């Protein structure tokens, strides 16, 4: 017993030591990243000070950038070329207050942010990157997948920013779940047909990316959840839980257009979870049918008029163009206005 006790203690020490080392390495990387951010911020400030000295000359700022790049790039490398020096200048213009520069963000993330001209959109990605501890790659993916625009399909700008600023907690599924989901990270090729279990397996293999795409507060519960109704056996594709909405979220995957039978089956799954699995203080279960296309009229006629829990959502396995998303946003705004006026 004594030998086992010593072994357990040693194992704990080793694990603790690993955590200490990993934490120190992570802190060191973050420290270096923020030093780089501070360097470019101070460089941008110095450029602006010099630029203001020659404010009578309209092209003086561009002259300073070229002059600096010519001298610094030779000595310090490509990180100080014209493009990077111009970014430093723009960085300081957008973030002139030192205390507003966030220690949680690295230079890659700030480069992405300063390229966004819309201040509301920039603030949204800045706050979401901090609140969700996104890496630079995750911030880049969310910007490229146009998360902000996709959320606008279901929400208004004020609601999106209020949630990002943590001024309010999401209260409805529409405030979290996007109108359309992009699953390009699954690596599935666009082809005429593929099996639903291929889609499900790809999601499980990329579960961290899928949770990121799903939105705030999701955690994975089960895959192919088996339920028995008398002698009949059913399997639910995916089950999640959302801690913000305080409810189960059931997902069924469809590789084609959803039918009224699909909607009826989802209603049965939602009823089962509400009556069997849900605790009394939890909110009603949400069912999401992920499909490639849907007939909105069939959806309206199949589901109750006051339906708020079954959400057919289309998905794409490739990134749409900016023009496609802009068109969808404008159409959603027009529909919302028409509904309001009715």
C-alpha atoms as a PDB file:
ATOM      1  CA  UNK A   1       0.000   0.000   0.000  1.00  0.00           C
ATOM      2  CA  UNK A   2       2.862   2.327   0.823  1.00  0.00           C
ATOM      3  CA  UNK A   3       4.424   1.778  -2.625  1.00  0.00           C
ATOM      4  CA  UNK A   4       1.069   2.505  -4.297  1.00  0.00           C
ATOM      5  CA  UNK A   5       0.664   5.688  -2.247  1.00  0.00           C
ATOM      6  CA  UNK A   6       4.122   6.900  -3.244  1.00  0.00           C
ATOM      7  CA  UNK A   7       3.370   6.099  -6.889  1.00  0.00           C
ATOM      8  CA  UNK A   8       0.098   8.064  -6.772  1.00  0.00           C
ATOM      9  CA  UNK A   9       1.781  11.050  -5.157  1.00  0.00           C
ATOM     10  CA  UNK A  10       4.581  10.964  -7.745  1.00  0.00           C
ATOM     11  CA  UNK A  11       2.007  10.782 -10.517  1.00  0.00           C
ATOM     12  CA  UNK A  12       0.254  13.846  -9.098  1.00  0.00           C
ATOM     13  CA  UNK A  13       3.535  15.734  -8.887  1.00  0.00           C
ATOM     14  CA  UNK A  14       4.369  14.891 -12.494  1.00  0.00           C
ATOM     15  CA  UNK A  15       0.954  16.058 -13.695  1.00  0.00           C
ATOM     16  CA  UNK A  16       1.206  19.234 -11.596  1.00  0.00           C
ATOM     17  CA  UNK A  17       4.692  19.869 -12.989  1.00  0.00           C
ATOM     18  CA  UNK A  18       3.388  19.478 -16.537  1.00  0.00           C
ATOM     19  CA  UNK A  19       0.594  21.965 -15.863  1.00  0.00           C
ATOM     20  CA  UNK A  20       3.052  24.460 -14.338  1.00  0.00           C
ATOM     21  CA  UNK A  21       5.351  24.198 -17.369  1.00  0.00           C
ATOM     22  CA  UNK A  22       2.498  24.439 -19.900  1.00  0.00           C
ATOM     23  CA  UNK A  23       0.995  27.412 -18.062  1.00  0.00           C
ATOM     24  CA  UNK A  24       4.373  29.178 -17.990  1.00  0.00           C
ATOM     25  CA  UNK A  25       4.928  28.514 -21.694  1.00  0.00           C
ATOM     26  CA  UNK A  26       1.455  29.791 -22.533  1.00  0.00           C
ATOM     27  CA  UNK A  27       1.994  32.926 -20.441  1.00  0.00           C
ATOM     28  CA  UNK A  28       5.366  33.486 -22.110  1.00  0.00           C
ATOM     29  CA  UNK A  29       3.798  33.273 -25.568  1.00  0.00           C
ATOM     30  CA  UNK A  30       1.008  35.682 -24.566  1.00  0.00           C
ATOM     31  CA  UNK A  31       3.571  38.050 -23.086  1.00  0.00           C
ATOM     32  CA  UNK A  32       5.619  38.031 -26.290  1.00  0.00           C
ATOM     33  CA  UNK A  33       2.471  38.496 -28.384  1.00  0.00           C
ATOM     34  CA  UNK A  34       1.360  41.514 -26.366  1.00  0.00           C
ATOM     35  CA  UNK A  35       4.860  43.028 -26.464  1.00  0.00           C
ATOM     36  CA  UNK A  36       4.570  42.852 -30.236  1.00  0.00           C
ATOM     37  CA  UNK A  37       1.165  44.566 -30.092  1.00  0.00           C
ATOM     38  CA  UNK A  38       2.615  47.307 -27.875  1.00  0.00           C
ATOM     39  CA  UNK A  39       5.555  47.727 -30.236  1.00  0.00           C
ATOM     40  CA  UNK A  40       3.318  48.384 -33.239  1.00  0.00           C
ATOM     41  CA  UNK A  41       1.049  50.651 -31.173  1.00  0.00           C
ATOM     42  CA  UNK A  42       4.003  52.783 -30.071  1.00  0.00           C
ATOM     43  CA  UNK A  43       5.353  52.821 -33.603  1.00  0.00           C
ATOM     44  CA  UNK A  44       1.973  54.025 -34.867  1.00  0.00           C
ATOM     45  CA  UNK A  45       1.875  56.730 -32.193  1.00  0.00           C
ATOM     46  CA  UNK A  46       5.350  57.978 -33.137  1.00  0.00           C
ATOM     47  CA  UNK A  47       4.406  58.078 -36.829  1.00  0.00           C
ATOM     48  CA  UNK A  48       1.288  60.106 -36.076  1.00  0.00           C
ATOM     49  CA  UNK A  49       3.285  62.552 -33.925  1.00  0.00           C
ATOM     50  CA  UNK A  50       5.727  63.070 -36.786  1.00  0.00           C
ATOM     51  CA  UNK A  51       2.885  63.313 -39.265  1.00  0.00           C
ATOM     52  CA  UNK A  52       1.214  66.064 -37.240  1.00  0.00           C
ATOM     53  CA  UNK A  53       4.439  68.057 -37.284  1.00  0.00           C
ATOM     54  CA  UNK A  54       4.144  68.286 -41.050  1.00  0.00           C
ATOM     55  CA  UNK A  55       0.380  68.645 -41.206  1.00  0.00           C
ATOM     56  CA  UNK A  56       0.585  71.278 -43.940  1.00  0.00           C
ATOM     57  CA  UNK A  57       1.716  68.552 -46.339  1.00  0.00           C
ATOM     58  CA  UNK A  58      -1.138  66.236 -47.268  1.00  0.00           C
ATOM     59  CA  UNK A  59       1.159  63.411 -48.394  1.00  0.00           C
ATOM     60  CA  UNK A  60       3.530  63.646 -45.425  1.00  0.00           C
ATOM     61  CA  UNK A  61       2.130  60.538 -43.698  1.00  0.00           C
ATOM     62  CA  UNK A  62       2.732  58.333 -46.732  1.00  0.00           C
ATOM     63  CA  UNK A  63       6.241  59.784 -47.043  1.00  0.00           C
ATOM     64  CA  UNK A  64       7.046  58.880 -43.413  1.00  0.00           C
ATOM     65  CA  UNK A  65       5.771  55.316 -43.860  1.00  0.00           C
ATOM     66  CA  UNK A  66       7.916  54.758 -46.967  1.00  0.00           C
ATOM     67  CA  UNK A  67      10.956  56.314 -45.358  1.00  0.00           C
ATOM     68  CA  UNK A  68      10.639  54.189 -42.225  1.00  0.00           C
ATOM     69  CA  UNK A  69      10.045  50.992 -44.194  1.00  0.00           C
ATOM     70  CA  UNK A  70      13.088  51.651 -46.369  1.00  0.00           C
ATOM     71  CA  UNK A  71      15.314  51.908 -43.313  1.00  0.00           C
ATOM     72  CA  UNK A  72      13.721  49.449 -40.899  1.00  0.00           C
ATOM     73  CA  UNK A  73      13.059  46.557 -43.286  1.00  0.00           C
ATOM     74  CA  UNK A  74      16.757  46.255 -44.127  1.00  0.00           C
ATOM     75  CA  UNK A  75      17.681  46.065 -40.458  1.00  0.00           C
ATOM     76  CA  UNK A  76      14.720  44.200 -38.912  1.00  0.00           C
ATOM     77  CA  UNK A  77      13.103  42.213 -41.739  1.00  0.00           C
ATOM     78  CA  UNK A  78       9.738  41.975 -43.505  1.00  0.00           C
ATOM     79  CA  UNK A  79       7.807  42.711 -40.312  1.00  0.00           C
ATOM     80  CA  UNK A  80       8.620  46.375 -40.922  1.00  0.00           C
ATOM     81  CA  UNK A  81       7.785  46.751 -44.594  1.00  0.00           C
ATOM     82  CA  UNK A  82       5.468  49.444 -45.969  1.00  0.00           C
ATOM     83  CA  UNK A  83       2.357  47.371 -45.369  1.00  0.00           C
ATOM     84  CA  UNK A  84       3.155  46.627 -41.728  1.00  0.00           C
ATOM     85  CA  UNK A  85       4.212  50.197 -40.988  1.00  0.00           C
ATOM     86  CA  UNK A  86       0.950  51.436 -42.502  1.00  0.00           C
ATOM     87  CA  UNK A  87      -0.926  48.933 -40.310  1.00  0.00           C
ATOM     88  CA  UNK A  88       0.855  50.316 -37.224  1.00  0.00           C
ATOM     89  CA  UNK A  89      -0.216  53.807 -38.223  1.00  0.00           C
ATOM     90  CA  UNK A  90      -3.823  52.696 -38.729  1.00  0.00           C
ATOM     91  CA  UNK A  91      -3.712  50.696 -35.464  1.00  0.00           C
ATOM     92  CA  UNK A  92      -2.929  53.797 -33.433  1.00  0.00           C
ATOM     93  CA  UNK A  93      -5.569  55.838 -35.273  1.00  0.00           C
ATOM     94  CA  UNK A  94      -8.261  53.295 -34.334  1.00  0.00           C
ATOM     95  CA  UNK A  95      -6.958  52.617 -30.797  1.00  0.00           C
ATOM     96  CA  UNK A  96      -5.395  55.889 -29.584  1.00  0.00           C
ATOM     97  CA  UNK A  97      -5.960  55.076 -25.875  1.00  0.00           C
ATOM     98  CA  UNK A  98      -3.314  52.702 -24.528  1.00  0.00           C
ATOM     99  CA  UNK A  99      -5.607  51.172 -21.902  1.00  0.00           C
ATOM    100  CA  UNK A 100      -8.119  50.224 -24.628  1.00  0.00           C
ATOM    101  CA  UNK A 101      -5.582  47.890 -26.235  1.00  0.00           C
ATOM    102  CA  UNK A 102      -6.516  44.429 -24.965  1.00  0.00           C
ATOM    103  CA  UNK A 103      -3.832  42.145 -23.550  1.00  0.00           C
ATOM    104  CA  UNK A 104      -5.858  39.074 -24.618  1.00  0.00           C
ATOM    105  CA  UNK A 105      -5.462  39.823 -28.329  1.00  0.00           C
ATOM    106  CA  UNK A 106      -2.370  39.236 -30.434  1.00  0.00           C
ATOM    107  CA  UNK A 107      -1.074  41.167 -33.414  1.00  0.00           C
ATOM    108  CA  UNK A 108      -2.660  38.767 -35.914  1.00  0.00           C
ATOM    109  CA  UNK A 109      -6.080  39.527 -34.398  1.00  0.00           C
ATOM    110  CA  UNK A 110      -5.479  43.277 -34.406  1.00  0.00           C
ATOM    111  CA  UNK A 111      -4.410  43.112 -38.052  1.00  0.00           C
ATOM    112  CA  UNK A 112      -7.754  41.474 -38.832  1.00  0.00           C
ATOM    113  CA  UNK A 113      -9.662  44.049 -36.761  1.00  0.00           C
ATOM    114  CA  UNK A 114      -8.081  47.164 -38.252  1.00  0.00           C
ATOM    115  CA  UNK A 115      -8.972  45.893 -41.720  1.00  0.00           C
ATOM    116  CA  UNK A 116     -12.695  46.159 -40.800  1.00  0.00           C
ATOM    117  CA  UNK A 117     -14.104  49.584 -41.680  1.00  0.00           C
ATOM    118  CA  UNK A 118     -17.476  49.203 -39.904  1.00  0.00           C
ATOM    119  CA  UNK A 119     -16.879  50.217 -36.232  1.00  0.00           C
ATOM    120  CA  UNK A 120     -19.809  48.112 -34.936  1.00  0.00           C
ATOM    121  CA  UNK A 121     -18.599  45.057 -36.782  1.00  0.00           C
ATOM    122  CA  UNK A 122     -15.029  45.655 -35.556  1.00  0.00           C
ATOM    123  CA  UNK A 123     -16.199  46.004 -31.963  1.00  0.00           C
ATOM    124  CA  UNK A 124     -18.248  42.801 -32.250  1.00  0.00           C
ATOM    125  CA  UNK A 125     -15.275  40.692 -33.385  1.00  0.00           C
ATOM    126  CA  UNK A 126     -12.995  42.336 -30.815  1.00  0.00           C
ATOM    127  CA  UNK A 127     -15.380  41.532 -27.949  1.00  0.00           C
ATOM    128  CA  UNK A 128     -16.168  38.026 -29.180  1.00  0.00           C
ATOM    129  CA  UNK A 129     -12.450  37.237 -29.549  1.00  0.00           C
ATOM    130  CA  UNK A 130     -11.846  38.300 -25.949  1.00  0.00           C
ATOM    131  CA  UNK A 131     -14.997  36.790 -24.421  1.00  0.00           C
ATOM    132  CA  UNK A 132     -14.540  33.427 -26.130  1.00  0.00           C
ATOM    133  CA  UNK A 133     -10.713  33.305 -25.889  1.00  0.00           C
ATOM    134  CA  UNK A 134     -10.420  32.850 -29.642  1.00  0.00           C
ATOM    135  CA  UNK A 135      -7.029  32.227 -31.194  1.00  0.00           C
ATOM    136  CA  UNK A 136      -5.954  34.298 -34.171  1.00  0.00           C
ATOM    137  CA  UNK A 137      -7.050  31.502 -36.524  1.00  0.00           C
ATOM    138  CA  UNK A 138     -10.472  31.287 -34.880  1.00  0.00           C
ATOM    139  CA  UNK A 139     -10.972  35.044 -35.184  1.00  0.00           C
ATOM    140  CA  UNK A 140      -9.937  34.847 -38.840  1.00  0.00           C
ATOM    141  CA  UNK A 141     -12.352  31.990 -39.493  1.00  0.00           C
ATOM    142  CA  UNK A 142     -15.274  33.806 -37.897  1.00  0.00           C
ATOM    143  CA  UNK A 143     -14.574  36.964 -39.897  1.00  0.00           C
ATOM    144  CA  UNK A 144     -14.181  35.007 -43.149  1.00  0.00           C
ATOM    145  CA  UNK A 145     -17.391  33.071 -42.446  1.00  0.00           C
ATOM    146  CA  UNK A 146     -19.109  36.429 -41.837  1.00  0.00           C
ATOM    147  CA  UNK A 147     -20.479  35.558 -38.412  1.00  0.00           C
ATOM    148  CA  UNK A 148     -21.626  39.145 -37.799  1.00  0.00           C
ATOM    149  CA  UNK A 149     -23.690  39.260 -40.992  1.00  0.00           C
ATOM    150  CA  UNK A 150     -25.192  35.813 -40.372  1.00  0.00           C
ATOM    151  CA  UNK A 151     -26.305  36.811 -36.888  1.00  0.00           C
ATOM    152  CA  UNK A 152     -27.947  39.897 -38.404  1.00  0.00           C
ATOM    153  CA  UNK A 153     -30.216  37.529 -40.333  1.00  0.00           C
ATOM    154  CA  UNK A 154     -31.877  36.588 -37.033  1.00  0.00           C
ATOM    155  CA  UNK A 155     -31.197  39.610 -34.818  1.00  0.00           C
ATOM    156  CA  UNK A 156     -30.845  43.360 -34.874  1.00  0.00           C
ATOM    157  CA  UNK A 157     -27.506  45.119 -34.526  1.00  0.00           C
ATOM    158  CA  UNK A 158     -28.235  46.457 -31.029  1.00  0.00           C
ATOM    159  CA  UNK A 159     -29.032  42.968 -29.695  1.00  0.00           C
ATOM    160  CA  UNK A 160     -25.863  41.473 -31.203  1.00  0.00           C
ATOM    161  CA  UNK A 161     -23.657  44.179 -29.678  1.00  0.00           C
ATOM    162  CA  UNK A 162     -25.441  44.065 -26.306  1.00  0.00           C
ATOM    163  CA  UNK A 163     -24.738  40.334 -26.039  1.00  0.00           C
ATOM    164  CA  UNK A 164     -21.124  40.791 -27.161  1.00  0.00           C
ATOM    165  CA  UNK A 165     -20.678  43.568 -24.570  1.00  0.00           C
ATOM    166  CA  UNK A 166     -22.242  41.256 -21.959  1.00  0.00           C
ATOM    167  CA  UNK A 167     -24.931  43.829 -21.281  1.00  0.00           C
ATOM    168  CA  UNK A 168     -27.544  41.114 -21.656  1.00  0.00           C
ATOM    169  CA  UNK A 169     -27.744  37.321 -21.603  1.00  0.00           C
ATOM    170  CA  UNK A 170     -29.287  35.600 -24.644  1.00  0.00           C
ATOM    171  CA  UNK A 171     -32.892  34.708 -23.869  1.00  0.00           C
ATOM    172  CA  UNK A 172     -34.103  33.056 -27.060  1.00  0.00           C
ATOM    173  CA  UNK A 173     -32.605  30.466 -29.454  1.00  0.00           C
ATOM    174  CA  UNK A 174     -32.652  33.078 -32.235  1.00  0.00           C
ATOM    175  CA  UNK A 175     -30.166  35.213 -30.287  1.00  0.00           C
ATOM    176  CA  UNK A 176     -27.611  32.391 -30.304  1.00  0.00           C
ATOM    177  CA  UNK A 177     -28.350  30.077 -33.212  1.00  0.00           C
ATOM    178  CA  UNK A 178     -27.515  31.446 -36.645  1.00  0.00           C
ATOM    179  CA  UNK A 179     -29.980  31.509 -39.505  1.00  0.00           C
ATOM    180  CA  UNK A 180     -27.539  29.559 -41.677  1.00  0.00           C
ATOM    181  CA  UNK A 181     -24.589  27.413 -40.591  1.00  0.00           C
ATOM    182  CA  UNK A 182     -21.281  27.076 -42.404  1.00  0.00           C
ATOM    183  CA  UNK A 183     -19.570  23.707 -42.071  1.00  0.00           C
ATOM    184  CA  UNK A 184     -16.645  24.229 -44.411  1.00  0.00           C
ATOM    185  CA  UNK A 185     -14.248  23.025 -41.687  1.00  0.00           C
ATOM    186  CA  UNK A 186     -15.625  19.473 -42.077  1.00  0.00           C
ATOM    187  CA  UNK A 187     -13.676  19.092 -45.297  1.00  0.00           C
ATOM    188  CA  UNK A 188     -16.636  17.538 -47.157  1.00  0.00           C
ATOM    189  CA  UNK A 189     -16.634  18.009 -50.893  1.00  0.00           C
ATOM    190  CA  UNK A 190     -19.676  19.484 -52.583  1.00  0.00           C
ATOM    191  CA  UNK A 191     -21.165  16.529 -54.468  1.00  0.00           C
ATOM    192  CA  UNK A 192     -24.662  15.437 -55.547  1.00  0.00           C
ATOM    193  CA  UNK A 193     -25.174  13.142 -52.540  1.00  0.00           C
ATOM    194  CA  UNK A 194     -23.515  11.779 -49.435  1.00  0.00           C
ATOM    195  CA  UNK A 195     -24.732   9.808 -46.441  1.00  0.00           C
ATOM    196  CA  UNK A 196     -25.992  11.437 -43.246  1.00  0.00           C
ATOM    197  CA  UNK A 197     -23.623   9.290 -41.175  1.00  0.00           C
ATOM    198  CA  UNK A 198     -20.708  10.787 -43.168  1.00  0.00           C
ATOM    199  CA  UNK A 199     -21.865  14.235 -42.094  1.00  0.00           C
ATOM    200  CA  UNK A 200     -22.332  13.108 -38.501  1.00  0.00           C
ATOM    201  CA  UNK A 201     -18.890  11.444 -38.342  1.00  0.00           C
ATOM    202  CA  UNK A 202     -17.262  14.558 -39.782  1.00  0.00           C
ATOM    203  CA  UNK A 203     -18.975  16.724 -37.134  1.00  0.00           C
ATOM    204  CA  UNK A 204     -17.798  14.438 -34.312  1.00  0.00           C
ATOM    205  CA  UNK A 205     -14.252  14.539 -35.720  1.00  0.00           C
ATOM    206  CA  UNK A 206     -14.405  18.348 -35.701  1.00  0.00           C
ATOM    207  CA  UNK A 207     -16.541  18.777 -32.591  1.00  0.00           C
ATOM    208  CA  UNK A 208     -14.579  21.794 -31.271  1.00  0.00           C
ATOM    209  CA  UNK A 209     -15.087  23.643 -34.572  1.00  0.00           C
ATOM    210  CA  UNK A 210     -18.752  22.629 -34.656  1.00  0.00           C
ATOM    211  CA  UNK A 211     -19.338  23.954 -31.128  1.00  0.00           C
ATOM    212  CA  UNK A 212     -17.685  27.209 -32.160  1.00  0.00           C
ATOM    213  CA  UNK A 213     -20.000  27.447 -35.165  1.00  0.00           C
ATOM    214  CA  UNK A 214     -23.059  26.572 -33.057  1.00  0.00           C
ATOM    215  CA  UNK A 215     -22.569  29.632 -30.854  1.00  0.00           C
ATOM    216  CA  UNK A 216     -22.328  30.508 -27.174  1.00  0.00           C
ATOM    217  CA  UNK A 217     -22.827  28.107 -24.283  1.00  0.00           C
ATOM    218  CA  UNK A 218     -23.050  24.739 -26.073  1.00  0.00           C
ATOM    219  CA  UNK A 219     -21.680  21.477 -24.685  1.00  0.00           C
ATOM    220  CA  UNK A 220     -21.814  18.033 -26.280  1.00  0.00           C
ATOM    221  CA  UNK A 221     -24.063  15.429 -24.602  1.00  0.00           C
ATOM    222  CA  UNK A 222     -24.615  12.420 -26.875  1.00  0.00           C
ATOM    223  CA  UNK A 223     -24.359  10.966 -30.361  1.00  0.00           C
ATOM    224  CA  UNK A 224     -26.986   8.524 -31.687  1.00  0.00           C
ATOM    225  CA  UNK A 225     -28.962   8.839 -28.452  1.00  0.00           C
ATOM    226  CA  UNK A 226     -31.163   5.721 -28.207  1.00  0.00           C
ATOM    227  CA  UNK A 227     -34.738   6.119 -26.989  1.00  0.00           C
ATOM    228  CA  UNK A 228     -37.396   3.437 -26.614  1.00  0.00           C
ATOM    229  CA  UNK A 229     -41.116   4.114 -27.072  1.00  0.00           C
ATOM    230  CA  UNK A 230     -42.763   0.821 -26.114  1.00  0.00           C
ATOM    231  CA  UNK A 231     -41.256  -1.650 -28.610  1.00  0.00           C
ATOM    232  CA  UNK A 232     -40.059   0.974 -31.090  1.00  0.00           C
ATOM    233  CA  UNK A 233     -36.423   2.090 -31.069  1.00  0.00           C
ATOM    234  CA  UNK A 234     -35.241   5.514 -32.257  1.00  0.00           C
ATOM    235  CA  UNK A 235     -31.832   7.190 -32.464  1.00  0.00           C
ATOM    236  CA  UNK A 236     -31.317  10.954 -32.186  1.00  0.00           C
ATOM    237  CA  UNK A 237     -28.316  12.104 -34.236  1.00  0.00           C
ATOM    238  CA  UNK A 238     -26.784  14.633 -31.800  1.00  0.00           C
ATOM    239  CA  UNK A 239     -27.737  16.018 -28.393  1.00  0.00           C
ATOM    240  CA  UNK A 240     -26.244  19.183 -26.861  1.00  0.00           C
ATOM    241  CA  UNK A 241     -26.971  21.327 -23.826  1.00  0.00           C
ATOM    242  CA  UNK A 242     -26.892  25.117 -23.768  1.00  0.00           C
ATOM    243  CA  UNK A 243     -26.075  26.596 -20.374  1.00  0.00           C
ATOM    244  CA  UNK A 244     -27.214  30.124 -21.322  1.00  0.00           C
ATOM    245  CA  UNK A 245     -30.629  29.018 -22.552  1.00  0.00           C
ATOM    246  CA  UNK A 246     -30.686  26.259 -19.898  1.00  0.00           C
ATOM    247  CA  UNK A 247     -32.126  23.636 -22.202  1.00  0.00           C
ATOM    248  CA  UNK A 248     -31.304  20.556 -24.271  1.00  0.00           C
ATOM    249  CA  UNK A 249     -30.682  21.080 -27.974  1.00  0.00           C
ATOM    250  CA  UNK A 250     -31.400  18.162 -30.301  1.00  0.00           C
ATOM    251  CA  UNK A 251     -29.910  18.113 -33.788  1.00  0.00           C
ATOM    252  CA  UNK A 252     -31.046  15.950 -36.676  1.00  0.00           C
ATOM    253  CA  UNK A 253     -28.917  15.922 -39.834  1.00  0.00           C
ATOM    254  CA  UNK A 254     -30.474  15.814 -43.295  1.00  0.00           C
ATOM    255  CA  UNK A 255     -28.544  15.756 -46.567  1.00  0.00           C
ATOM    256  CA  UNK A 256     -31.472  17.022 -48.618  1.00  0.00           C
ATOM    257  CA  UNK A 257     -34.655  19.085 -48.331  1.00  0.00           C
ATOM    258  CA  UNK A 258     -36.565  18.446 -45.122  1.00  0.00           C
ATOM    259  CA  UNK A 259     -40.042  16.928 -45.276  1.00  0.00           C
ATOM    260  CA  UNK A 260     -43.093  17.162 -43.039  1.00  0.00           C
ATOM    261  CA  UNK A 261     -42.168  13.656 -41.788  1.00  0.00           C
ATOM    262  CA  UNK A 262     -38.789  15.012 -40.632  1.00  0.00           C
ATOM    263  CA  UNK A 263     -40.536  17.822 -38.773  1.00  0.00           C
ATOM    264  CA  UNK A 264     -42.962  15.383 -37.156  1.00  0.00           C
ATOM    265  CA  UNK A 265     -40.136  13.138 -36.016  1.00  0.00           C
ATOM    266  CA  UNK A 266     -38.295  16.110 -34.526  1.00  0.00           C
ATOM    267  CA  UNK A 267     -41.464  17.144 -32.680  1.00  0.00           C
ATOM    268  CA  UNK A 268     -41.593  13.654 -31.164  1.00  0.00           C
ATOM    269  CA  UNK A 269     -37.942  13.882 -30.031  1.00  0.00           C
ATOM    270  CA  UNK A 270     -38.534  17.320 -28.480  1.00  0.00           C
ATOM    271  CA  UNK A 271     -41.641  16.048 -26.681  1.00  0.00           C
ATOM    272  CA  UNK A 272     -39.683  13.060 -25.341  1.00  0.00           C
ATOM    273  CA  UNK A 273     -36.929  15.253 -23.916  1.00  0.00           C
ATOM    274  CA  UNK A 274     -39.409  17.708 -22.437  1.00  0.00           C
ATOM    275  CA  UNK A 275     -41.416  14.957 -20.746  1.00  0.00           C
ATOM    276  CA  UNK A 276     -38.668  12.493 -19.776  1.00  0.00           C
ATOM    277  CA  UNK A 277     -35.228  14.149 -19.655  1.00  0.00           C
ATOM    278  CA  UNK A 278     -35.848  17.817 -18.819  1.00  0.00           C
ATOM    279  CA  UNK A 279     -35.729  18.908 -15.190  1.00  0.00           C
ATOM    280  CA  UNK A 280     -38.622  21.055 -13.869  1.00  0.00           C
ATOM    281  CA  UNK A 281     -36.511  24.234 -13.673  1.00  0.00           C
ATOM    282  CA  UNK A 282     -35.050  23.857 -17.185  1.00  0.00           C
ATOM    283  CA  UNK A 283     -36.433  25.513 -20.300  1.00  0.00           C
ATOM    284  CA  UNK A 284     -38.187  23.675 -23.173  1.00  0.00           C
ATOM    285  CA  UNK A 285     -36.030  21.574 -25.463  1.00  0.00           C
ATOM    286  CA  UNK A 286     -34.954  23.030 -28.804  1.00  0.00           C
ATOM    287  CA  UNK A 287     -34.869  20.895 -31.955  1.00  0.00           C
ATOM    288  CA  UNK A 288     -32.666  21.901 -34.887  1.00  0.00           C
ATOM    289  CA  UNK A 289     -33.086  20.239 -38.271  1.00  0.00           C
ATOM    290  CA  UNK A 290     -29.886  20.851 -40.237  1.00  0.00           C
ATOM    291  CA  UNK A 291     -30.683  20.517 -43.922  1.00  0.00           C
ATOM    292  CA  UNK A 292     -29.408  21.610 -47.315  1.00  0.00           C
ATOM    293  CA  UNK A 293     -32.741  23.259 -48.188  1.00  0.00           C
ATOM    294  CA  UNK A 294     -36.255  23.753 -46.826  1.00  0.00           C
ATOM    295  CA  UNK A 295     -39.729  24.687 -48.009  1.00  0.00           C
ATOM    296  CA  UNK A 296     -40.782  27.511 -45.681  1.00  0.00           C
ATOM    297  CA  UNK A 297     -44.464  27.012 -46.443  1.00  0.00           C
ATOM    298  CA  UNK A 298     -44.303  23.313 -45.555  1.00  0.00           C
ATOM    299  CA  UNK A 299     -42.499  24.244 -42.327  1.00  0.00           C
ATOM    300  CA  UNK A 300     -45.185  26.807 -41.376  1.00  0.00           C
ATOM    301  CA  UNK A 301     -48.054  24.451 -42.165  1.00  0.00           C
ATOM    302  CA  UNK A 302     -46.514  21.493 -40.303  1.00  0.00           C
ATOM    303  CA  UNK A 303     -45.517  23.284 -37.103  1.00  0.00           C
ATOM    304  CA  UNK A 304     -47.808  25.172 -34.679  1.00  0.00           C
ATOM    305  CA  UNK A 305     -48.216  28.913 -35.337  1.00  0.00           C
ATOM    306  CA  UNK A 306     -46.590  29.761 -32.022  1.00  0.00           C
ATOM    307  CA  UNK A 307     -43.660  27.385 -32.605  1.00  0.00           C
ATOM    308  CA  UNK A 308     -40.455  28.572 -30.942  1.00  0.00           C
ATOM    309  CA  UNK A 309     -38.637  25.320 -30.304  1.00  0.00           C
ATOM    310  CA  UNK A 310     -38.227  23.532 -33.650  1.00  0.00           C
ATOM    311  CA  UNK A 311     -35.831  25.365 -35.932  1.00  0.00           C
ATOM    312  CA  UNK A 312     -35.106  24.170 -39.477  1.00  0.00           C
ATOM    313  CA  UNK A 313     -31.680  25.565 -40.403  1.00  0.00           C
ATOM    314  CA  UNK A 314     -29.851  25.327 -43.688  1.00  0.00           C
ATOM    315  CA  UNK A 315     -26.153  24.529 -43.776  1.00  0.00           C
ATOM    316  CA  UNK A 316     -23.445  24.933 -46.377  1.00  0.00           C
ATOM    317  CA  UNK A 317     -20.170  23.050 -46.677  1.00  0.00           C
ATOM    318  CA  UNK A 318     -18.409  25.960 -48.356  1.00  0.00           C
ATOM    319  CA  UNK A 319     -18.071  29.652 -47.579  1.00  0.00           C
ATOM    320  CA  UNK A 320     -20.590  31.873 -49.371  1.00  0.00           C
ATOM    321  CA  UNK A 321     -19.463  35.052 -51.081  1.00  0.00           C
ATOM    322  CA  UNK A 322     -19.928  38.472 -49.482  1.00  0.00           C
ATOM    323  CA  UNK A 323     -22.514  39.273 -52.154  1.00  0.00           C
ATOM    324  CA  UNK A 324     -24.568  36.167 -51.303  1.00  0.00           C
ATOM    325  CA  UNK A 325     -24.653  36.981 -47.613  1.00  0.00           C
ATOM    326  CA  UNK A 326     -25.376  40.667 -48.229  1.00  0.00           C
ATOM    327  CA  UNK A 327     -28.336  39.632 -50.374  1.00  0.00           C
ATOM    328  CA  UNK A 328     -29.620  37.309 -47.614  1.00  0.00           C
ATOM    329  CA  UNK A 329     -29.256  40.038 -44.973  1.00  0.00           C
ATOM    330  CA  UNK A 330     -31.161  42.548 -47.107  1.00  0.00           C
ATOM    331  CA  UNK A 331     -33.916  40.016 -47.826  1.00  0.00           C
ATOM    332  CA  UNK A 332     -34.204  39.199 -44.094  1.00  0.00           C
ATOM    333  CA  UNK A 333     -34.492  42.919 -43.259  1.00  0.00           C
ATOM    334  CA  UNK A 334     -37.178  43.367 -45.896  1.00  0.00           C
ATOM    335  CA  UNK A 335     -39.190  40.402 -44.569  1.00  0.00           C
ATOM    336  CA  UNK A 336     -38.856  41.739 -41.008  1.00  0.00           C
ATOM    337  CA  UNK A 337     -40.147  45.159 -42.108  1.00  0.00           C
ATOM    338  CA  UNK A 338     -43.072  43.635 -43.991  1.00  0.00           C
ATOM    339  CA  UNK A 339     -43.974  41.479 -40.971  1.00  0.00           C
ATOM    340  CA  UNK A 340     -43.827  44.523 -38.683  1.00  0.00           C
ATOM    341  CA  UNK A 341     -46.160  46.505 -40.930  1.00  0.00           C
ATOM    342  CA  UNK A 342     -48.740  43.717 -41.176  1.00  0.00           C
END
